[in-house]
Amino acid sequence: MNVVILPKVLEYLDEVVYILFVKQYFSYLETSICYVDDLIDDIKKNLPTKLHKPASQYFDKYGKSMEYAVFKKSKRTSWYIFFNTYEDEQTGEDIFLVRYIGNNHTIAQYL
């Protein structure tokens, strides 16, 4: 199984690093960077085994027929990872393509 994260999602996560620091969720920029890096590592390692559900039509603007999985990172914050699954025709390997990411503070009302 292979997890691929679209560049626009990685760009968003780079922005999250600075948002977390500027809004003082973390006192040090390095801590904010570690938080996002840990989230990315968790997604790459565990997305294939996470329970996933069909995404609502609201999220079709990011990709059709997506599913999502929840990654709880603290008592107050859960990250929602939206993806499509494909099969590599040559290897038969499942590919999880991450198309969008949000958290309960920004998108919970659409789930």
N, C-alpha and C. Protein backbone atom coordinates (compact mmCIF):
# COMPACT_ATOMS: atom_id res chain seq x y z
N MET A 1 0.84 -1.18 0.00
CA MET A 1 0.00 0.00 0.00
C MET A 1 0.88 1.24 0.00
N ASN A 2 0.44 2.22 -0.76
CA ASN A 2 1.21 3.44 -0.91
C ASN A 2 0.29 4.64 -0.67
N VAL A 3 0.74 5.58 0.14
CA VAL A 3 -0.02 6.80 0.41
C VAL A 3 0.68 7.95 -0.29
N VAL A 4 -0.07 8.65 -1.15
CA VAL A 4 0.45 9.79 -1.89
C VAL A 4 -0.35 11.01 -1.46
N ILE A 5 0.35 12.07 -1.08
CA ILE A 5 -0.30 13.31 -0.65
C ILE A 5 -0.09 14.36 -1.74
N LEU A 6 -1.18 14.92 -2.25
CA LEU A 6 -1.07 15.92 -3.31
C LEU A 6 -0.26 17.13 -2.84
N PRO A 7 0.48 17.75 -3.74
CA PRO A 7 1.29 18.93 -3.38
C PRO A 7 0.48 20.05 -2.74
N LYS A 8 -0.76 20.28 -3.20
CA LYS A 8 -1.56 21.36 -2.60
C LYS A 8 -1.90 21.05 -1.14
N VAL A 9 -2.03 19.79 -0.79
CA VAL A 9 -2.28 19.40 0.60
C VAL A 9 -1.03 19.66 1.44
N LEU A 10 0.13 19.32 0.89
CA LEU A 10 1.38 19.57 1.60
C LEU A 10 1.62 21.07 1.78
N GLU A 11 1.25 21.86 0.78
CA GLU A 11 1.37 23.32 0.90
C GLU A 11 0.48 23.83 2.02
N TYR A 12 -0.74 23.30 2.11
CA TYR A 12 -1.64 23.69 3.19
C TYR A 12 -1.04 23.35 4.55
N LEU A 13 -0.46 22.17 4.65
CA LEU A 13 0.14 21.76 5.92
C LEU A 13 1.34 22.64 6.29
N ASP A 14 2.06 23.12 5.29
CA ASP A 14 3.13 24.09 5.56
C ASP A 14 2.55 25.37 6.16
N GLU A 15 1.40 25.80 5.65
CA GLU A 15 0.73 26.98 6.21
C GLU A 15 0.27 26.72 7.64
N VAL A 16 -0.19 25.51 7.91
CA VAL A 16 -0.65 25.15 9.25
C VAL A 16 0.48 25.31 10.27
N VAL A 17 1.69 24.97 9.87
CA VAL A 17 2.84 25.14 10.77
C VAL A 17 2.89 26.56 11.30
N TYR A 18 2.76 27.53 10.40
CA TYR A 18 2.87 28.93 10.80
C TYR A 18 1.62 29.42 11.53
N ILE A 19 0.47 28.92 11.14
CA ILE A 19 -0.77 29.29 11.82
C ILE A 19 -0.70 28.86 13.29
N LEU A 20 -0.27 27.63 13.51
CA LEU A 20 -0.18 27.11 14.88
C LEU A 20 0.80 27.92 15.72
N PHE A 21 1.87 28.36 15.10
CA PHE A 21 2.87 29.16 15.83
C PHE A 21 2.38 30.58 16.07
N VAL A 22 1.87 31.23 15.03
CA VAL A 22 1.43 32.63 15.14
C VAL A 22 0.26 32.77 16.11
N LYS A 23 -0.65 31.81 16.09
CA LYS A 23 -1.80 31.86 17.00
C LYS A 23 -1.47 31.30 18.38
N GLN A 24 -0.20 31.01 18.57
CA GLN A 24 0.35 30.58 19.86
C GLN A 24 -0.23 29.27 20.39
N TYR A 25 -0.57 28.36 19.48
CA TYR A 25 -0.91 27.01 19.92
C TYR A 25 0.36 26.30 20.39
N PHE A 26 1.49 26.70 19.79
CA PHE A 26 2.80 26.20 20.19
C PHE A 26 3.71 27.39 20.42
N SER A 27 4.55 27.29 21.44
CA SER A 27 5.44 28.40 21.79
C SER A 27 6.64 28.51 20.86
N TYR A 28 7.02 27.41 20.24
CA TYR A 28 8.20 27.39 19.39
C TYR A 28 7.83 26.90 17.99
N LEU A 29 8.42 27.52 17.00
CA LEU A 29 8.18 27.13 15.62
C LEU A 29 8.57 25.67 15.41
N GLU A 30 9.64 25.24 16.03
CA GLU A 30 10.11 23.86 15.89
C GLU A 30 9.05 22.86 16.39
N THR A 31 8.36 23.22 17.44
CA THR A 31 7.31 22.34 17.98
C THR A 31 6.15 22.23 16.99
N SER A 32 5.82 23.34 16.37
CA SER A 32 4.76 23.35 15.37
C SER A 32 5.16 22.50 14.16
N ILE A 33 6.40 22.61 13.74
CA ILE A 33 6.91 21.80 12.63
C ILE A 33 6.83 20.32 12.98
N CYS A 34 7.23 19.97 14.18
CA CYS A 34 7.18 18.56 14.62
C CYS A 34 5.75 18.04 14.64
N TYR A 35 4.80 18.86 15.08
CA TYR A 35 3.39 18.46 15.13
C TYR A 35 2.90 18.09 13.73
N VAL A 36 3.18 18.95 12.76
CA VAL A 36 2.73 18.69 11.39
C VAL A 36 3.48 17.52 10.78
N ASP A 37 4.77 17.43 11.02
CA ASP A 37 5.54 16.28 10.52
C ASP A 37 5.00 14.96 11.09
N ASP A 38 4.65 14.95 12.37
CA ASP A 38 4.07 13.75 12.99
C ASP A 38 2.74 13.40 12.35
N LEU A 39 1.94 14.43 12.05
CA LEU A 39 0.65 14.18 11.39
C LEU A 39 0.87 13.55 10.02
N ILE A 40 1.80 14.09 9.25
CA ILE A 40 2.10 13.53 7.92
C ILE A 40 2.60 12.10 8.03
N ASP A 41 3.49 11.85 8.96
CA ASP A 41 4.00 10.48 9.16
C ASP A 41 2.88 9.52 9.56
N ASP A 42 1.99 9.98 10.43
CA ASP A 42 0.86 9.16 10.87
C ASP A 42 -0.05 8.83 9.68
N ILE A 43 -0.31 9.81 8.83
CA ILE A 43 -1.14 9.59 7.65
C ILE A 43 -0.49 8.56 6.74
N LYS A 44 0.78 8.75 6.45
CA LYS A 44 1.47 7.84 5.52
C LYS A 44 1.54 6.42 6.06
N LYS A 45 1.69 6.30 7.35
CA LYS A 45 1.83 4.98 7.96
C LYS A 45 0.48 4.28 8.19
N ASN A 46 -0.54 5.05 8.61
CA ASN A 46 -1.76 4.41 9.12
C ASN A 46 -3.02 4.60 8.29
N LEU A 47 -3.00 5.46 7.28
CA LEU A 47 -4.22 5.68 6.51
C LEU A 47 -4.81 4.38 5.94
N PRO A 48 -4.00 3.50 5.38
CA PRO A 48 -4.59 2.27 4.82
C PRO A 48 -5.34 1.41 5.82
N THR A 49 -5.01 1.49 7.10
CA THR A 49 -5.64 0.63 8.09
C THR A 49 -6.73 1.33 8.90
N LYS A 50 -6.88 2.62 8.70
CA LYS A 50 -7.89 3.39 9.45
C LYS A 50 -9.30 3.08 8.92
N LEU A 51 -10.25 3.13 9.83
CA LEU A 51 -11.65 3.05 9.44
C LEU A 51 -11.97 4.27 8.59
N HIS A 52 -12.64 4.06 7.46
CA HIS A 52 -12.97 5.21 6.62
C HIS A 52 -14.44 5.17 6.22
N LYS A 53 -14.94 6.39 5.94
CA LYS A 53 -16.35 6.57 5.60
C LYS A 53 -16.45 7.38 4.32
N PRO A 54 -17.59 7.26 3.62
CA PRO A 54 -17.78 8.09 2.43
C PRO A 54 -17.88 9.57 2.82
N ALA A 55 -17.24 10.43 2.04
CA ALA A 55 -17.30 11.87 2.28
C ALA A 55 -18.63 12.41 1.74
N SER A 56 -19.13 13.46 2.38
CA SER A 56 -20.36 14.08 1.91
C SER A 56 -20.10 14.81 0.59
N GLN A 57 -21.17 15.12 -0.12
CA GLN A 57 -21.06 15.78 -1.42
C GLN A 57 -20.39 17.14 -1.33
N TYR A 58 -20.42 17.76 -0.18
CA TYR A 58 -19.76 19.05 0.01
C TYR A 58 -18.29 18.97 -0.43
N PHE A 59 -17.65 17.85 -0.21
CA PHE A 59 -16.22 17.69 -0.48
C PHE A 59 -15.92 17.26 -1.91
N ASP A 60 -16.96 17.10 -2.75
CA ASP A 60 -16.74 16.72 -4.14
C ASP A 60 -15.92 17.75 -4.91
N LYS A 61 -15.86 18.97 -4.42
CA LYS A 61 -15.06 20.00 -5.10
C LYS A 61 -13.56 19.69 -5.01
N TYR A 62 -13.18 18.78 -4.13
CA TYR A 62 -11.78 18.38 -3.99
C TYR A 62 -11.49 17.06 -4.69
N GLY A 63 -12.54 16.33 -5.04
CA GLY A 63 -12.40 15.05 -5.71
C GLY A 63 -13.69 14.27 -5.56
N LYS A 64 -14.07 13.57 -6.59
CA LYS A 64 -15.34 12.83 -6.58
C LYS A 64 -15.20 11.51 -5.84
N SER A 65 -16.29 11.12 -5.19
CA SER A 65 -16.41 9.81 -4.54
C SER A 65 -15.27 9.54 -3.55
N MET A 66 -14.93 10.54 -2.77
CA MET A 66 -13.86 10.37 -1.79
C MET A 66 -14.38 9.70 -0.52
N GLU A 67 -13.43 9.21 0.23
CA GLU A 67 -13.68 8.71 1.57
C GLU A 67 -12.83 9.55 2.52
N TYR A 68 -13.11 9.41 3.81
CA TYR A 68 -12.26 10.12 4.78
C TYR A 68 -12.00 9.24 5.99
N ALA A 69 -10.89 9.54 6.63
CA ALA A 69 -10.50 8.87 7.87
C ALA A 69 -10.16 9.95 8.89
N VAL A 70 -10.33 9.62 10.15
CA VAL A 70 -10.11 10.59 11.23
C VAL A 70 -8.82 10.24 11.97
N PHE A 71 -8.01 11.28 12.19
CA PHE A 71 -6.78 11.16 12.96
C PHE A 71 -6.90 12.11 14.15
N LYS A 72 -7.07 11.55 15.32
CA LYS A 72 -7.21 12.37 16.53
C LYS A 72 -5.82 12.69 17.07
N LYS A 73 -5.49 13.98 17.13
CA LYS A 73 -4.15 14.39 17.54
C LYS A 73 -4.11 14.98 18.94
N SER A 74 -5.26 15.38 19.48
CA SER A 74 -5.31 15.89 20.86
C SER A 74 -6.75 15.76 21.34
N LYS A 75 -6.98 16.17 22.58
CA LYS A 75 -8.34 16.11 23.13
C LYS A 75 -9.30 17.00 22.34
N ARG A 76 -8.78 18.07 21.76
CA ARG A 76 -9.64 19.04 21.09
C ARG A 76 -9.54 19.03 19.57
N THR A 77 -8.57 18.35 19.00
CA THR A 77 -8.39 18.44 17.56
C THR A 77 -8.31 17.08 16.90
N SER A 78 -9.18 16.89 15.90
CA SER A 78 -9.15 15.72 15.03
C SER A 78 -8.95 16.21 13.61
N TRP A 79 -8.12 15.51 12.86
CA TRP A 79 -7.86 15.84 11.47
C TRP A 79 -8.63 14.85 10.59
N TYR A 80 -9.25 15.37 9.55
CA TYR A 80 -10.03 14.57 8.61
C TYR A 80 -9.25 14.52 7.30
N ILE A 81 -8.91 13.31 6.89
CA ILE A 81 -8.09 13.09 5.70
C ILE A 81 -9.00 12.54 4.61
N PHE A 82 -9.12 13.28 3.51
CA PHE A 82 -10.00 12.90 2.40
C PHE A 82 -9.16 12.33 1.27
N PHE A 83 -9.59 11.19 0.75
CA PHE A 83 -8.76 10.48 -0.22
C PHE A 83 -9.59 9.61 -1.16
N ASN A 84 -8.95 9.23 -2.25
CA ASN A 84 -9.47 8.21 -3.15
C ASN A 84 -8.49 7.05 -3.14
N THR A 85 -9.00 5.86 -3.39
CA THR A 85 -8.15 4.68 -3.46
C THR A 85 -8.15 4.16 -4.90
N TYR A 86 -6.96 3.89 -5.39
CA TYR A 86 -6.78 3.35 -6.73
C TYR A 86 -5.93 2.10 -6.65
N GLU A 87 -6.02 1.30 -7.69
CA GLU A 87 -5.14 0.13 -7.79
C GLU A 87 -4.13 0.38 -8.90
N ASP A 88 -2.86 0.22 -8.58
CA ASP A 88 -1.81 0.33 -9.59
C ASP A 88 -1.97 -0.85 -10.55
N GLU A 89 -2.18 -0.55 -11.82
CA GLU A 89 -2.45 -1.61 -12.79
C GLU A 89 -1.27 -2.55 -12.99
N GLN A 90 -0.07 -2.04 -12.81
CA GLN A 90 1.11 -2.88 -13.02
C GLN A 90 1.42 -3.76 -11.83
N THR A 91 1.28 -3.22 -10.63
CA THR A 91 1.69 -3.98 -9.44
C THR A 91 0.52 -4.55 -8.66
N GLY A 92 -0.69 -4.01 -8.88
CA GLY A 92 -1.84 -4.43 -8.09
C GLY A 92 -1.88 -3.80 -6.72
N GLU A 93 -0.91 -2.93 -6.43
CA GLU A 93 -0.82 -2.26 -5.12
C GLU A 93 -1.91 -1.20 -5.00
N ASP A 94 -2.48 -1.09 -3.80
CA ASP A 94 -3.45 -0.03 -3.53
C ASP A 94 -2.71 1.28 -3.31
N ILE A 95 -3.23 2.34 -3.93
CA ILE A 95 -2.67 3.68 -3.78
C ILE A 95 -3.75 4.55 -3.15
N PHE A 96 -3.40 5.18 -2.04
CA PHE A 96 -4.30 6.10 -1.34
C PHE A 96 -3.85 7.52 -1.70
N LEU A 97 -4.69 8.23 -2.45
CA LEU A 97 -4.35 9.57 -2.90
C LEU A 97 -5.07 10.59 -2.02
N VAL A 98 -4.31 11.29 -1.17
CA VAL A 98 -4.86 12.28 -0.26
C VAL A 98 -5.09 13.56 -1.05
N ARG A 99 -6.37 14.00 -1.09
CA ARG A 99 -6.75 15.16 -1.88
C ARG A 99 -7.07 16.39 -1.05
N TYR A 100 -7.41 16.18 0.22
CA TYR A 100 -7.82 17.31 1.06
C TYR A 100 -7.65 16.91 2.52
N ILE A 101 -7.40 17.92 3.35
CA ILE A 101 -7.28 17.69 4.78
C ILE A 101 -7.88 18.90 5.51
N GLY A 102 -8.56 18.63 6.60
CA GLY A 102 -9.11 19.69 7.43
C GLY A 102 -9.25 19.17 8.85
N ASN A 103 -9.59 20.06 9.75
CA ASN A 103 -9.78 19.59 11.13
C ASN A 103 -11.17 19.97 11.64
N ASN A 104 -11.48 19.48 12.82
CA ASN A 104 -12.83 19.67 13.37
C ASN A 104 -13.15 21.15 13.60
N HIS A 105 -12.12 21.99 13.72
CA HIS A 105 -12.36 23.42 13.94
C HIS A 105 -12.81 24.11 12.66
N THR A 106 -12.51 23.52 11.50
CA THR A 106 -12.81 24.19 10.23
C THR A 106 -13.88 23.51 9.38
N ILE A 107 -14.03 22.19 9.50
CA ILE A 107 -14.93 21.50 8.56
C ILE A 107 -15.95 20.56 9.20
N ALA A 108 -15.99 20.48 10.50
CA ALA A 108 -16.87 19.51 11.17
C ALA A 108 -18.32 19.68 10.77
N GLN A 109 -18.74 20.90 10.51
CA GLN A 109 -20.15 21.15 10.18
C GLN A 109 -20.55 20.54 8.83
N TYR A 110 -19.57 20.15 8.01
CA TYR A 110 -19.87 19.59 6.69
C TYR A 110 -19.84 18.06 6.65
N LEU A 111 -19.52 17.44 7.77
CA LEU A 111 -19.40 15.97 7.78
C LEU A 111 -20.71 15.29 8.04
